[in-house]
PDB file of N, CA and C in Angstrom:
ATOM      1  N   ALA A   1     -14.105   1.743  12.226  1.00  0.00           N
ATOM      2  CA  ALA A   1     -15.464   1.512  11.824  1.00  0.00           C
ATOM      3  C   ALA A   1     -15.813   0.061  11.616  1.00  0.00           C
ATOM      4  N   ALA A   2     -14.877  -0.680  10.958  1.00  0.00           N
ATOM      5  CA  ALA A   2     -15.030  -2.001  10.705  1.00  0.00           C
ATOM      6  C   ALA A   2     -15.048  -2.869  12.063  1.00  0.00           C
ATOM      7  N   LEU A   3     -14.285  -2.468  12.994  1.00  0.00           N
ATOM      8  CA  LEU A   3     -14.253  -3.131  14.335  1.00  0.00           C
ATOM      9  C   LEU A   3     -15.606  -2.877  15.072  1.00  0.00           C
ATOM     10  N   ALA A   4     -16.135  -1.776  15.021  1.00  0.00           N
ATOM     11  CA  ALA A   4     -17.328  -1.384  15.683  1.00  0.00           C
ATOM     12  C   ALA A   4     -18.596  -1.816  15.024  1.00  0.00           C
ATOM     13  N   HIS A   5     -18.424  -2.347  13.744  1.00  0.00           N
ATOM     14  CA  HIS A   5     -19.655  -2.741  12.942  1.00  0.00           C
ATOM     15  C   HIS A   5     -20.120  -4.154  13.581  1.00  0.00           C
ATOM     16  N   ASP A   6     -21.489  -4.279  13.451  1.00  0.00           N
ATOM     17  CA  ASP A   6     -22.117  -5.526  14.014  1.00  0.00           C
ATOM     18  C   ASP A   6     -22.218  -6.442  12.728  1.00  0.00           C
ATOM     19  N   TRP A   7     -21.290  -7.403  12.630  1.00  0.00           N
ATOM     20  CA  TRP A   7     -21.249  -8.274  11.436  1.00  0.00           C
ATOM     21  C   TRP A   7     -22.209  -9.477  11.714  1.00  0.00           C
ATOM     22  N   SER A   8     -22.867  -9.976  10.775  1.00  0.00           N
ATOM     23  CA  SER A   8     -23.719 -11.099  10.939  1.00  0.00           C
ATOM     24  C   SER A   8     -23.090 -12.475  10.517  1.00  0.00           C
ATOM     25  N   GLY A   9     -21.750 -12.431  10.386  1.00  0.00           N
ATOM     26  CA  GLY A   9     -21.031 -13.620  10.062  1.00  0.00           C
ATOM     27  C   GLY A   9     -19.781 -13.305   9.335  1.00  0.00           C
ATOM     28  N   PRO A  10     -18.988 -14.301   8.718  1.00  0.00           N
ATOM     29  CA  PRO A  10     -17.729 -14.004   8.060  1.00  0.00           C
ATOM     30  C   PRO A  10     -18.061 -13.183   6.841  1.00  0.00           C
ATOM     31  N   THR A  11     -17.276 -11.978   6.668  1.00  0.00           N
ATOM     32  CA  THR A  11     -17.415 -10.997   5.594  1.00  0.00           C
ATOM     33  C   THR A  11     -16.174 -10.662   5.099  1.00  0.00           C
ATOM     34  N   THR A  12     -16.064 -10.402   3.805  1.00  0.00           N
ATOM     35  CA  THR A  12     -14.887  -9.819   3.180  1.00  0.00           C
ATOM     36  C   THR A  12     -15.319  -8.409   2.743  1.00  0.00           C
ATOM     37  N   LEU A  13     -14.443  -7.461   3.108  1.00  0.00           N
ATOM     38  CA  LEU A  13     -14.683  -6.092   2.785  1.00  0.00           C
ATOM     39  C   LEU A  13     -13.404  -5.473   2.489  1.00  0.00           C
ATOM     40  N   VAL A  14     -13.195  -4.794   1.328  1.00  0.00           N
ATOM     41  CA  VAL A  14     -11.866  -4.067   1.064  1.00  0.00           C
ATOM     42  C   VAL A  14     -11.837  -2.791   1.948  1.00  0.00           C
ATOM     43  N   ILE A  15     -10.764  -2.602   2.650  1.00  0.00           N
ATOM     44  CA  ILE A  15     -10.627  -1.486   3.424  1.00  0.00           C
ATOM     45  C   ILE A  15      -9.340  -0.710   2.752  1.00  0.00           C
ATOM     46  N   ALA A  16      -9.672   0.375   2.195  1.00  0.00           N
ATOM     47  CA  ALA A  16      -8.614   1.151   1.358  1.00  0.00           C
ATOM     48  C   ALA A  16      -8.769   2.635   1.443  1.00  0.00           C
ATOM     49  N   GLY A  17      -7.770   3.274   1.067  1.00  0.00           N
ATOM     50  CA  GLY A  17      -7.926   4.795   1.089  1.00  0.00           C
ATOM     51  C   GLY A  17      -8.601   5.307  -0.229  1.00  0.00           C
ATOM     52  N   PRO A  18      -8.753   6.589  -0.224  1.00  0.00           N
ATOM     53  CA  PRO A  18      -9.605   7.224  -1.323  1.00  0.00           C
ATOM     54  C   PRO A  18      -9.004   7.180  -2.684  1.00  0.00           C
ATOM     55  N   ARG A  19      -7.774   6.777  -2.768  1.00  0.00           N
ATOM     56  CA  ARG A  19      -7.248   6.726  -4.241  1.00  0.00           C
ATOM     57  C   ARG A  19      -6.038   5.745  -4.195  1.00  0.00           C
ATOM     58  N   PRO A  20      -5.755   5.081  -5.308  1.00  0.00           N
ATOM     59  CA  PRO A  20      -4.685   4.254  -5.349  1.00  0.00           C
ATOM     60  C   PRO A  20      -3.390   4.941  -5.461  1.00  0.00           C
ATOM     61  N   LEU A  21      -2.265   4.381  -4.906  1.00  0.00           N
ATOM     62  CA  LEU A  21      -1.009   5.044  -4.905  1.00  0.00           C
ATOM     63  C   LEU A  21       0.000   4.135  -5.684  1.00  0.00           C
ATOM     64  N   PRO A  22       0.994   4.819  -6.505  1.00  0.00           N
ATOM     65  CA  PRO A  22       2.084   3.974  -6.969  1.00  0.00           C
ATOM     66  C   PRO A  22       2.912   3.608  -5.874  1.00  0.00           C
ATOM     67  N   TYR A  23       3.556   2.492  -6.055  1.00  0.00           N
ATOM     68  CA  TYR A  23       4.459   1.912  -5.011  1.00  0.00           C
ATOM     69  C   TYR A  23       5.510   2.882  -4.567  1.00  0.00           C
ATOM     70  N   ALA A  24       6.125   3.627  -5.442  1.00  0.00           N
ATOM     71  CA  ALA A  24       7.109   4.632  -5.035  1.00  0.00           C
ATOM     72  C   ALA A  24       6.611   5.723  -4.157  1.00  0.00           C
ATOM     73  N   GLU A  25       5.407   6.199  -4.464  1.00  0.00           N
ATOM     74  CA  GLU A  25       4.748   7.143  -3.553  1.00  0.00           C
ATOM     75  C   GLU A  25       4.422   6.517  -2.218  1.00  0.00           C
ATOM     76  N   PHE A  26       4.050   5.396  -2.155  1.00  0.00           N
ATOM     77  CA  PHE A  26       3.739   4.644  -0.868  1.00  0.00           C
ATOM     78  C   PHE A  26       4.973   4.603  -0.106  1.00  0.00           C
ATOM     79  N   VAL A  27       6.118   4.112  -0.706  1.00  0.00           N
ATOM     80  CA  VAL A  27       7.357   4.099   0.053  1.00  0.00           C
ATOM     81  C   VAL A  27       7.806   5.398   0.519  1.00  0.00           C
ATOM     82  N   ARG A  28       7.744   6.457  -0.248  1.00  0.00           N
ATOM     83  CA  ARG A  28       8.171   7.738   0.171  1.00  0.00           C
ATOM     84  C   ARG A  28       7.355   8.224   1.294  1.00  0.00           C
ATOM     85  N   ALA A  29       5.981   8.028   1.263  1.00  0.00           N
ATOM     86  CA  ALA A  29       5.140   8.422   2.399  1.00  0.00           C
ATOM     87  C   ALA A  29       5.479   7.770   3.660  1.00  0.00           C
ATOM     88  N   ILE A  30       5.736   6.422   3.646  1.00  0.00           N
ATOM     89  CA  ILE A  30       6.163   5.653   4.887  1.00  0.00           C
ATOM     90  C   ILE A  30       7.491   6.322   5.411  1.00  0.00           C
ATOM     91  N   ALA A  31       8.432   6.669   4.482  1.00  0.00           N
ATOM     92  CA  ALA A  31       9.773   7.241   4.931  1.00  0.00           C
ATOM     93  C   ALA A  31       9.407   8.571   5.558  1.00  0.00           C
ATOM     94  N   ALA A  32       8.645   9.377   4.998  1.00  0.00           N
ATOM     95  CA  ALA A  32       8.300  10.719   5.537  1.00  0.00           C
ATOM     96  C   ALA A  32       7.696  10.472   6.863  1.00  0.00           C
ATOM     97  N   ALA A  33       6.760   9.628   7.037  1.00  0.00           N
ATOM     98  CA  ALA A  33       6.126   9.327   8.368  1.00  0.00           C
ATOM     99  C   ALA A  33       7.066   8.998   9.495  1.00  0.00           C
ATOM    100  N   ALA A  34       8.087   8.214   9.054  1.00  0.00           N
ATOM    101  CA  ALA A  34       9.059   7.781   9.933  1.00  0.00           C
ATOM    102  C   ALA A  34      10.217   8.794  10.055  1.00  0.00           C
ATOM    103  N   ALA A  35      10.035   9.890   9.553  1.00  0.00           N
ATOM    104  CA  ALA A  35      11.064  11.027   9.669  1.00  0.00           C
ATOM    105  C   ALA A  35      12.428  10.543   9.105  1.00  0.00           C
ATOM    106  N   LEU A  36      12.319   9.796   7.984  1.00  0.00           N
ATOM    107  CA  LEU A  36      13.470   9.394   7.186  1.00  0.00           C
ATOM    108  C   LEU A  36      13.685  10.209   6.008  1.00  0.00           C
ATOM    109  N   PRO A  37      14.758  10.367   5.380  1.00  0.00           N
ATOM    110  CA  PRO A  37      14.892  11.017   4.151  1.00  0.00           C
ATOM    111  C   PRO A  37      14.157  10.285   3.056  1.00  0.00           C
ATOM    112  N   PRO A  38      13.728  10.985   2.030  1.00  0.00           N
ATOM    113  CA  PRO A  38      13.010  10.183   0.885  1.00  0.00           C
ATOM    114  C   PRO A  38      13.967   9.120   0.256  1.00  0.00           C
ATOM    115  N   PRO A  39      13.463   7.960   0.096  1.00  0.00           N
ATOM    116  CA  PRO A  39      14.301   6.860  -0.536  1.00  0.00           C
ATOM    117  C   PRO A  39      14.480   7.181  -1.992  1.00  0.00           C
ATOM    118  N   ARG A  40      15.586   6.750  -2.559  1.00  0.00           N
ATOM    119  CA  ARG A  40      15.727   6.913  -3.991  1.00  0.00           C
ATOM    120  C   ARG A  40      15.147   5.594  -4.620  1.00  0.00           C
ATOM    121  N   VAL A  41      14.075   5.856  -5.400  1.00  0.00           N
ATOM    122  CA  VAL A  41      13.383   4.715  -6.127  1.00  0.00           C
ATOM    123  C   VAL A  41      13.829   4.728  -7.531  1.00  0.00           C
ATOM    124  N   VAL A  42      14.348   3.637  -7.966  1.00  0.00           N
ATOM    125  CA  VAL A  42      14.827   3.519  -9.342  1.00  0.00           C
ATOM    126  C   VAL A  42      13.859   2.542 -10.090  1.00  0.00           C
ATOM    127  N   PRO A  43      13.268   2.972 -11.124  1.00  0.00           N
ATOM    128  CA  PRO A  43      12.315   2.150 -11.795  1.00  0.00           C
ATOM    129  C   PRO A  43      13.102   1.127 -12.681  1.00  0.00           C
ATOM    130  N   ILE A  44      12.776  -0.178 -12.651  1.00  0.00           N
ATOM    131  CA  ILE A  44      13.509  -1.163 -13.385  1.00  0.00           C
ATOM    132  C   ILE A  44      12.369  -1.911 -14.212  1.00  0.00           C
ATOM    133  N   PRO A  45      12.589  -2.058 -15.557  1.00  0.00           N
ATOM    134  CA  PRO A  45      11.623  -2.821 -16.290  1.00  0.00           C
ATOM    135  C   PRO A  45      11.329  -4.131 -15.762  1.00  0.00           C
ATOM    136  N   ALA A  46       9.939  -4.556 -15.839  1.00  0.00           N
ATOM    137  CA  ALA A  46       9.547  -5.764 -15.302  1.00  0.00           C
ATOM    138  C   ALA A  46      10.241  -6.975 -15.751  1.00  0.00           C
ATOM    139  N   THR A  47      10.664  -6.963 -17.078  1.00  0.00           N
ATOM    140  CA  THR A  47      11.370  -8.131 -17.673  1.00  0.00           C
ATOM    141  C   THR A  47      12.688  -8.260 -17.020  1.00  0.00           C
ATOM    142  N   VAL A  48      13.337  -7.315 -16.728  1.00  0.00           N
ATOM    143  CA  VAL A  48      14.656  -7.353 -15.963  1.00  0.00           C
ATOM    144  C   VAL A  48      14.410  -8.021 -14.511  1.00  0.00           C
ATOM    145  N   LEU A  49      13.377  -7.526 -13.909  1.00  0.00           N
ATOM    146  CA  LEU A  49      13.031  -8.015 -12.588  1.00  0.00           C
ATOM    147  C   LEU A  49      12.764  -9.427 -12.609  1.00  0.00           C
ATOM    148  N   MET A  50      12.033  -9.857 -13.643  1.00  0.00           N
ATOM    149  CA  MET A  50      11.634 -11.300 -13.795  1.00  0.00           C
ATOM    150  C   MET A  50      12.899 -12.150 -14.010  1.00  0.00           C
ATOM    151  N   ILE A  51      13.820 -11.700 -14.816  1.00  0.00           N
ATOM    152  CA  ILE A  51      14.972 -12.379 -15.081  1.00  0.00           C
ATOM    153  C   ILE A  51      15.900 -12.502 -13.808  1.00  0.00           C
ATOM    154  N   ALA A  52      15.872 -11.334 -13.033  1.00  0.00           N
ATOM    155  CA  ALA A  52      16.719 -11.267 -11.771  1.00  0.00           C
ATOM    156  C   ALA A  52      16.149 -12.314 -10.742  1.00  0.00           C
ATOM    157  N   THR A  53      14.853 -12.633 -10.729  1.00  0.00           N
ATOM    158  CA  THR A  53      14.528 -13.649  -9.823  1.00  0.00           C
ATOM    159  C   THR A  53      15.186 -14.903  -9.880  1.00  0.00           C
ATOM    160  N   LEU A  54      15.818 -15.342 -11.008  1.00  0.00           N
ATOM    161  CA  LEU A  54      16.638 -16.480 -11.113  1.00  0.00           C
ATOM    162  C   LEU A  54      17.824 -16.390 -10.220  1.00  0.00           C
ATOM    163  N   LEU A  55      18.379 -15.150 -10.071  1.00  0.00           N
ATOM    164  CA  LEU A  55      19.564 -14.977  -9.185  1.00  0.00           C
ATOM    165  C   LEU A  55      19.196 -15.325  -7.671  1.00  0.00           C
ATOM    166  N   THR A  56      17.956 -15.188  -7.318  1.00  0.00           N
ATOM    167  CA  THR A  56      17.506 -15.366  -5.926  1.00  0.00           C
ATOM    168  C   THR A  56      17.649 -16.960  -5.558  1.00  0.00           C
ATOM    169  N   ARG A  57      17.908 -17.718  -6.428  1.00  0.00           N
ATOM    170  CA  ARG A  57      18.175 -19.184  -6.196  1.00  0.00           C
ATOM    171  C   ARG A  57      19.528 -19.367  -5.511  1.00  0.00           C
ATOM    172  N   LEU A  58      20.275 -18.377  -5.502  1.00  0.00           N
ATOM    173  CA  LEU A  58      21.602 -18.535  -4.860  1.00  0.00           C
ATOM    174  C   LEU A  58      21.455 -18.724  -3.288  1.00  0.00           C
ATOM    175  N   PRO A  59      22.083 -19.538  -2.658  1.00  0.00           N
ATOM    176  CA  PRO A  59      21.781 -19.770  -1.256  1.00  0.00           C
ATOM    177  C   PRO A  59      21.946 -18.756  -0.308  1.00  0.00           C
ATOM    178  N   PHE A  60      22.684 -17.605  -0.629  1.00  0.00           N
ATOM    179  CA  PHE A  60      22.828 -16.465   0.320  1.00  0.00           C
ATOM    180  C   PHE A  60      21.811 -15.326   0.057  1.00  0.00           C
ATOM    181  N   LEU A  61      20.911 -15.548  -0.846  1.00  0.00           N
ATOM    182  CA  LEU A  61      19.886 -14.480  -1.099  1.00  0.00           C
ATOM    183  C   LEU A  61      18.565 -15.069  -0.820  1.00  0.00           C
ATOM    184  N   PRO A  62      17.652 -14.140  -0.366  1.00  0.00           N
ATOM    185  CA  PRO A  62      16.274 -14.634  -0.177  1.00  0.00           C
ATOM    186  C   PRO A  62      15.638 -14.906  -1.523  1.00  0.00           C
ATOM    187  N   THR A  63      14.672 -15.900  -1.529  1.00  0.00           N
ATOM    188  CA  THR A  63      14.087 -16.259  -2.809  1.00  0.00           C
ATOM    189  C   THR A  63      12.927 -15.331  -3.095  1.00  0.00           C
ATOM    190  N   VAL A  64      12.864 -14.862  -4.381  1.00  0.00           N
ATOM    191  CA  VAL A  64      11.868 -14.117  -4.941  1.00  0.00           C
ATOM    192  C   VAL A  64      11.400 -14.745  -6.131  1.00  0.00           C
ATOM    193  N   HIS A  65      10.065 -14.974  -6.217  1.00  0.00           N
ATOM    194  CA  HIS A  65       9.421 -15.741  -7.322  1.00  0.00           C
ATOM    195  C   HIS A  65       8.809 -14.730  -8.357  1.00  0.00           C
ATOM    196  N   ALA A  66       8.762 -15.154  -9.576  1.00  0.00           N
ATOM    197  CA  ALA A  66       8.085 -14.231 -10.600  1.00  0.00           C
ATOM    198  C   ALA A  66       6.723 -13.822 -10.249  1.00  0.00           C
ATOM    199  N   ALA A  67       6.072 -14.795  -9.625  1.00  0.00           N
ATOM    200  CA  ALA A  67       4.597 -14.355  -9.260  1.00  0.00           C
ATOM    201  C   ALA A  67       4.620 -13.058  -8.225  1.00  0.00           C
ATOM    202  N   GLU A  68       5.582 -12.982  -7.476  1.00  0.00           N
ATOM    203  CA  GLU A  68       5.789 -11.805  -6.549  1.00  0.00           C
ATOM    204  C   GLU A  68       6.008 -10.584  -7.350  1.00  0.00           C
ATOM    205  N   ILE A  69       6.738 -10.632  -8.389  1.00  0.00           N
ATOM    206  CA  ILE A  69       7.070  -9.413  -9.222  1.00  0.00           C
ATOM    207  C   ILE A  69       5.837  -9.051  -9.883  1.00  0.00           C
ATOM    208  N   ARG A  70       5.128 -10.118 -10.501  1.00  0.00           N
ATOM    209  CA  ARG A  70       3.774  -9.764 -11.054  1.00  0.00           C
ATOM    210  C   ARG A  70       2.819  -9.092 -10.146  1.00  0.00           C
ATOM    211  N   ARG A  71       2.738  -9.629  -8.872  1.00  0.00           N
ATOM    212  CA  ARG A  71       1.963  -9.001  -7.928  1.00  0.00           C
ATOM    213  C   ARG A  71       2.282  -7.508  -7.724  1.00  0.00           C
ATOM    214  N   LEU A  72       3.460  -7.130  -7.645  1.00  0.00           N
ATOM    215  CA  LEU A  72       3.871  -5.859  -7.444  1.00  0.00           C
ATOM    216  C   LEU A  72       3.427  -4.938  -8.519  1.00  0.00           C
ATOM    217  N   LEU A  73       3.333  -5.511  -9.751  1.00  0.00           N
ATOM    218  CA  LEU A  73       2.986  -4.700 -10.953  1.00  0.00           C
ATOM    219  C   LEU A  73       1.450  -4.674 -11.231  1.00  0.00           C
ATOM    220  N   GLU A  74       0.666  -5.231 -10.354  1.00  0.00           N
ATOM    221  CA  GLU A  74      -0.825  -5.266 -10.651  1.00  0.00           C
ATOM    222  C   GLU A  74      -1.303  -3.989 -10.158  1.00  0.00           C
ATOM    223  N   ASP A  75      -2.381  -3.607 -10.835  1.00  0.00           N
ATOM    224  CA  ASP A  75      -3.232  -2.474 -10.555  1.00  0.00           C
ATOM    225  C   ASP A  75      -3.879  -2.759  -9.122  1.00  0.00           C
ATOM    226  N   LYS A  76      -3.637  -1.786  -8.219  1.00  0.00           N
ATOM    227  CA  LYS A  76      -4.270  -1.932  -6.894  1.00  0.00           C
ATOM    228  C   LYS A  76      -5.413  -1.096  -6.608  1.00  0.00           C
ATOM    229  N   ALA A  77      -5.996  -0.668  -7.706  1.00  0.00           N
ATOM    230  CA  ALA A  77      -7.217   0.216  -7.496  1.00  0.00           C
ATOM    231  C   ALA A  77      -8.436  -0.593  -7.146  1.00  0.00           C
ATOM    232  N   PHE A  78      -8.939  -0.463  -5.951  1.00  0.00           N
ATOM    233  CA  PHE A  78      -9.960  -1.400  -5.506  1.00  0.00           C
ATOM    234  C   PHE A  78     -11.337  -0.473  -5.414  1.00  0.00           C
ATOM    235  N   ASP A  79     -12.456  -1.115  -5.529  1.00  0.00           N
ATOM    236  CA  ASP A  79     -13.759  -0.364  -5.313  1.00  0.00           C
ATOM    237  C   ASP A  79     -13.954  -0.162  -3.880  1.00  0.00           C
ATOM    238  N   ILE A  80     -14.117   1.071  -3.386  1.00  0.00           N
ATOM    239  CA  ILE A  80     -14.277   1.149  -1.973  1.00  0.00           C
ATOM    240  C   ILE A  80     -15.712   1.664  -1.650  1.00  0.00           C
ATOM    241  N   ALA A  81     -16.612   1.628  -2.688  1.00  0.00           N
ATOM    242  CA  ALA A  81     -17.934   1.985  -2.477  1.00  0.00           C
ATOM    243  C   ALA A  81     -18.656   1.133  -1.432  1.00  0.00           C
ATOM    244  N   PRO A  82     -18.530  -0.246  -1.466  1.00  0.00           N
ATOM    245  CA  PRO A  82     -19.052  -1.066  -0.422  1.00  0.00           C
ATOM    246  C   PRO A  82     -18.586  -0.654   0.998  1.00  0.00           C
ATOM    247  N   MET A  83     -17.269  -0.392   1.166  1.00  0.00           N
ATOM    248  CA  MET A  83     -16.722   0.080   2.485  1.00  0.00           C
ATOM    249  C   MET A  83     -17.416   1.328   2.865  1.00  0.00           C
ATOM    250  N   ARG A  84     -17.489   2.253   2.002  1.00  0.00           N
ATOM    251  CA  ARG A  84     -18.253   3.559   2.305  1.00  0.00           C
ATOM    252  C   ARG A  84     -19.638   3.374   2.701  1.00  0.00           C
ATOM    253  N   HIS A  85     -20.364   2.425   2.049  1.00  0.00           N
ATOM    254  CA  HIS A  85     -21.792   2.317   2.217  1.00  0.00           C
ATOM    255  C   HIS A  85     -21.973   1.422   3.519  1.00  0.00           C
ATOM    256  N   ARG A  86     -21.249   0.388   3.721  1.00  0.00           N
ATOM    257  CA  ARG A  86     -21.454  -0.639   4.832  1.00  0.00           C
ATOM    258  C   ARG A  86     -21.008   0.089   6.250  1.00  0.00           C
ATOM    259  N   LEU A  87     -19.909   0.855   6.072  1.00  0.00           N
ATOM    260  CA  LEU A  87     -19.257   1.401   7.393  1.00  0.00           C
ATOM    261  C   LEU A  87     -19.802   2.828   7.581  1.00  0.00           C
ATOM    262  N   GLY A  88     -20.468   3.454   6.481  1.00  0.00           N
ATOM    263  CA  GLY A  88     -20.856   4.836   6.695  1.00  0.00           C
ATOM    264  C   GLY A  88     -19.690   5.797   6.927  1.00  0.00           C
ATOM    265  N   MET A  89     -18.620   5.623   6.343  1.00  0.00           N
ATOM    266  CA  MET A  89     -17.456   6.530   6.598  1.00  0.00           C
ATOM    267  C   MET A  89     -16.778   6.790   5.310  1.00  0.00           C
ATOM    268  N   GLU A  90     -15.958   7.830   5.351  1.00  0.00           N
ATOM    269  CA  GLU A  90     -14.954   8.220   4.203  1.00  0.00           C
ATOM    270  C   GLU A  90     -13.719   7.876   4.587  1.00  0.00           C
ATOM    271  N   PRO A  91     -12.961   7.307   3.688  1.00  0.00           N
ATOM    272  CA  PRO A  91     -11.530   7.032   4.025  1.00  0.00           C
ATOM    273  C   PRO A  91     -10.667   8.256   4.110  1.00  0.00           C
ATOM    274  N   ILE A  92      -9.592   8.145   4.731  1.00  0.00           N
ATOM    275  CA  ILE A  92      -8.614   9.282   4.636  1.00  0.00           C
ATOM    276  C   ILE A  92      -7.419   8.937   3.902  1.00  0.00           C
ATOM    277  N   GLY A  93      -6.632   9.837   3.394  1.00  0.00           N
ATOM    278  CA  GLY A  93      -5.424   9.535   2.628  1.00  0.00           C
ATOM    279  C   GLY A  93      -4.355   8.840   3.410  1.00  0.00           C
ATOM    280  N   LEU A  94      -3.429   8.347   2.754  1.00  0.00           N
ATOM    281  CA  LEU A  94      -2.284   7.679   3.460  1.00  0.00           C
ATOM    282  C   LEU A  94      -1.501   8.648   4.339  1.00  0.00           C
ATOM    283  N   ALA A  95      -1.185   9.760   3.841  1.00  0.00           N
ATOM    284  CA  ALA A  95      -0.421  10.731   4.678  1.00  0.00           C
ATOM    285  C   ALA A  95      -1.139  11.094   5.930  1.00  0.00           C
ATOM    286  N   ASP A  96      -2.519  11.206   5.878  1.00  0.00           N
ATOM    287  CA  ASP A  96      -3.154  11.575   7.112  1.00  0.00           C
ATOM    288  C   ASP A  96      -3.255  10.330   8.031  1.00  0.00           C
ATOM    289  N   GLY A  97      -3.385   9.165   7.448  1.00  0.00           N
ATOM    290  CA  GLY A  97      -3.492   7.936   8.189  1.00  0.00           C
ATOM    291  C   GLY A  97      -2.103   7.636   8.953  1.00  0.00           C
ATOM    292  N   LEU A  98      -0.960   7.823   8.196  1.00  0.00           N
ATOM    293  CA  LEU A  98       0.264   7.753   8.879  1.00  0.00           C
ATOM    294  C   LEU A  98       0.463   8.743   9.875  1.00  0.00           C
ATOM    295  N   ALA A  99       0.042  10.035   9.722  1.00  0.00           N
ATOM    296  CA  ALA A  99       0.223  10.998  10.714  1.00  0.00           C
ATOM    297  C   ALA A  99      -0.585  10.586  12.036  1.00  0.00           C
ATOM    298  N   LEU A 100      -1.771  10.085  11.851  1.00  0.00           N
ATOM    299  CA  LEU A 100      -2.521   9.548  13.102  1.00  0.00           C
ATOM    300  C   LEU A 100      -1.770   8.466  13.728  1.00  0.00           C
ATOM    301  N   THR A 101      -1.307   7.519  12.901  1.00  0.00           N
ATOM    302  CA  THR A 101      -0.569   6.363  13.487  1.00  0.00           C
ATOM    303  C   THR A 101       0.702   6.683  14.169  1.00  0.00           C
ATOM    304  N   PHE A 102       1.463   7.737  13.639  1.00  0.00           N
ATOM    305  CA  PHE A 102       2.659   8.132  14.298  1.00  0.00           C
ATOM    306  C   PHE A 102       2.584   9.286  15.023  1.00  0.00           C
ATOM    307  N   HIS A 103       1.296   9.858  15.257  1.00  0.00           N
ATOM    308  CA  HIS A 103       0.992  11.086  16.000  1.00  0.00           C
ATOM    309  C   HIS A 103       1.740  12.314  15.573  1.00  0.00           C
ATOM    310  N   ARG A 104       1.759  12.491  14.238  1.00  0.00           N
ATOM    311  CA  ARG A 104       2.369  13.576  13.635  1.00  0.00           C
ATOM    312  C   ARG A 104       1.427  14.298  12.807  1.00  0.00           C
ATOM    313  N   GLN A 105       1.767  15.664  12.547  1.00  0.00           N
ATOM    314  CA  GLN A 105       0.946  16.300  11.537  1.00  0.00           C
ATOM    315  C   GLN A 105       1.190  15.776  10.088  1.00  0.00           C
ATOM    316  N   ALA A 106       0.231  15.691   9.353  1.00  0.00           N
ATOM    317  CA  ALA A 106       0.352  15.096   7.945  1.00  0.00           C
ATOM    318  C   ALA A 106       1.136  16.252   7.166  1.00  0.00           C
ATOM    319  N   SER A 107       1.947  15.737   6.365  1.00  0.00           N
ATOM    320  CA  SER A 107       2.789  16.624   5.526  1.00  0.00           C
ATOM    321  C   SER A 107       2.073  16.975   4.192  1.00  0.00           C
ATOM    322  N   ILE A 108       1.128  16.162   3.878  1.00  0.00           N
ATOM    323  CA  ILE A 108       0.299  16.352   2.689  1.00  0.00           C
ATOM    324  C   ILE A 108      -1.204  16.524   3.125  1.00  0.00           C
ATOM    325  N   SER A 109      -1.695  17.771   2.786  1.00  0.00           N
ATOM    326  CA  SER A 109      -3.143  17.848   3.052  1.00  0.00           C
ATOM    327  C   SER A 109      -3.996  17.421   1.966  1.00  0.00           C
ATOM    328  N   GLY A 110      -5.195  17.116   2.271  1.00  0.00           N
ATOM    329  CA  GLY A 110      -6.168  16.611   1.262  1.00  0.00           C
ATOM    330  C   GLY A 110      -5.937  15.140   1.115  1.00  0.00           C
ATOM    331  N   PRO A 111      -6.955  14.560   0.249  1.00  0.00           N
ATOM    332  CA  PRO A 111      -6.916  13.115   0.056  1.00  0.00           C
ATOM    333  C   PRO A 111      -5.624  12.677  -0.714  1.00  0.00           C
ATOM    334  N   THR A 112      -4.958  11.646  -0.142  1.00  0.00           N
ATOM    335  CA  THR A 112      -3.818  11.128  -0.720  1.00  0.00           C
ATOM    336  C   THR A 112      -3.881   9.540  -0.714  1.00  0.00           C
TER     337      THR A 112
END
């Protein structure tokens, strides 16, 4: 819908699904869509992750900054009313969107 919209100049518009998802649920949905077994997600306290970023200064590990950990912990609930209004559409859930992307039947019915 955004691609088909006649925009009158540069515009920012949040494009998101009908509800926010916890990161673990997002990862599980991606695995299911790729026909992979559900990944084991182990919750780790943010403080431990922030301290662990210091270990990524070792030359054989990719660098992870504390700001990246903070970003992962942020609330990702966005107001999608402008998207609905400007594009005249209702978003679909992640499972349905992945099913369309991978041409499979959604494993979860209803908004996700």
